[in-house]
Amino acid sequence: MSGKPHVQIYSLSTCSHCKAAKKFLADCTVQYKFVDVDLLKGEERAAILEDVKKFNPRCSFPTVIIGDKVIVGYKENEIKEALGL
C-alpha cells in the first residue's frame, strides 16, 4: 500500500494532551481527521464513544489511530514511528 496512513484522533476540546497531539501532527504536515467528543450531544456522542471503546476500552483521550495502530495518549515517539517519520 502506498501513500500515507489514515489518521484519526478522538479528542476533547479542553484536553492539553489532545491539543499537543493535533499540533504535533500539524507541525509534521500530516493530514488527520478529529472528533472533539465533548462537543457532541446525545446519540452522536454515544455512537462515537462506542467507536472509541473499540480502539481504547478505557475511553481515555487522546486516542490516536494511525492506519491500524492505536496510540492512547500523546506519545510523540509512537506517533512518529506509526507515521514512519
Protein backbone atom coordinates (compact mmCIF):
# COMPACT_ATOMS: atom_id res chain seq x y z
CA MET A 1 0.00 0.00 0.00
CA SER A 2 1.44 3.34 -0.96
CA GLY A 3 0.71 6.77 0.45
CA LYS A 4 0.24 7.89 3.99
CA PRO A 5 -1.87 6.01 6.54
CA HIS A 6 -5.27 7.36 7.53
CA VAL A 7 -5.02 9.32 10.79
CA GLN A 8 -7.99 9.79 13.14
CA ILE A 9 -7.95 11.44 16.56
CA TYR A 10 -10.66 11.14 19.17
CA SER A 11 -10.12 14.07 21.49
CA LEU A 12 -11.62 16.50 23.99
CA SER A 13 -11.70 20.19 23.14
CA THR A 14 -10.32 21.12 26.59
CA CYS A 15 -7.55 18.49 26.78
CA SER A 16 -3.96 19.78 26.65
CA HIS A 17 -2.61 16.39 25.52
CA CYS A 18 -5.18 16.31 22.70
CA LYS A 19 -4.15 19.81 21.59
CA ALA A 20 -0.48 18.77 21.70
CA ALA A 21 -1.17 15.70 19.54
CA LYS A 22 -3.05 17.81 16.94
CA LYS A 23 -0.29 20.44 16.94
CA PHE A 24 2.40 17.76 16.52
CA LEU A 25 0.58 16.26 13.52
CA ALA A 26 0.07 19.72 12.03
CA ASP A 27 3.76 20.56 12.57
CA CYS A 28 4.64 17.33 10.71
CA THR A 29 2.19 18.38 7.94
CA VAL A 30 0.20 15.19 8.49
CA GLN A 31 -3.42 15.36 7.40
CA TYR A 32 -5.77 13.97 10.00
CA LYS A 33 -9.42 13.88 10.97
CA PHE A 34 -10.51 14.50 14.52
CA VAL A 35 -13.62 14.45 16.66
CA ASP A 36 -13.88 16.54 19.83
CA VAL A 37 -16.09 14.08 21.69
CA ASP A 38 -17.05 16.52 24.46
CA LEU A 39 -18.68 18.84 21.90
CA LEU A 40 -21.06 16.14 20.64
CA LYS A 41 -24.51 15.57 22.10
CA GLY A 42 -26.93 12.72 22.58
CA GLU A 43 -26.90 9.77 20.18
CA GLU A 44 -24.00 11.13 18.12
CA ARG A 45 -21.82 11.34 21.23
CA ALA A 46 -22.89 7.86 22.40
CA ALA A 47 -22.09 6.38 18.96
CA ILE A 48 -18.62 7.98 18.86
CA LEU A 49 -17.87 6.78 22.40
CA GLU A 50 -18.76 3.24 21.29
CA ASP A 51 -16.26 3.66 18.41
CA VAL A 52 -13.57 4.90 20.82
CA LYS A 53 -14.15 1.90 23.12
CA LYS A 54 -13.43 -0.48 20.22
CA PHE A 55 -9.94 1.02 19.97
CA ASN A 56 -9.41 2.03 23.60
CA PRO A 57 -11.64 0.28 26.18
CA ARG A 58 -10.64 2.80 28.86
CA CYS A 59 -12.06 5.55 26.65
CA SER A 60 -9.28 8.00 27.52
CA PHE A 61 -8.10 10.86 25.35
CA PRO A 62 -6.49 11.45 23.01
CA THR A 63 -6.99 8.17 21.20
CA VAL A 64 -4.95 8.39 18.00
CA ILE A 65 -5.48 5.86 15.22
CA ILE A 66 -2.80 5.76 12.53
CA GLY A 67 -3.53 3.11 9.93
CA ASP A 68 -4.14 0.01 12.05
CA LYS A 69 -2.10 1.23 15.03
CA VAL A 70 -3.82 2.69 18.11
CA ILE A 71 -1.91 5.11 20.34
CA VAL A 72 -3.56 6.12 23.60
CA GLY A 73 -2.32 9.43 24.94
CA TYR A 74 0.12 11.89 23.42
CA LYS A 75 3.18 9.74 22.74
CA GLU A 76 5.26 11.65 20.22
CA ASN A 77 7.73 8.81 19.56
CA GLU A 78 4.98 6.25 18.96
CA ILE A 79 3.16 8.68 16.66
CA LYS A 80 6.37 9.33 14.68
CA GLU A 81 7.05 5.61 14.40
CA ALA A 82 3.50 4.84 13.23
CA LEU A 83 3.79 7.59 10.60
CA GLY A 84 7.21 6.40 9.50
CA LEU A 85 8.84 9.74 10.36
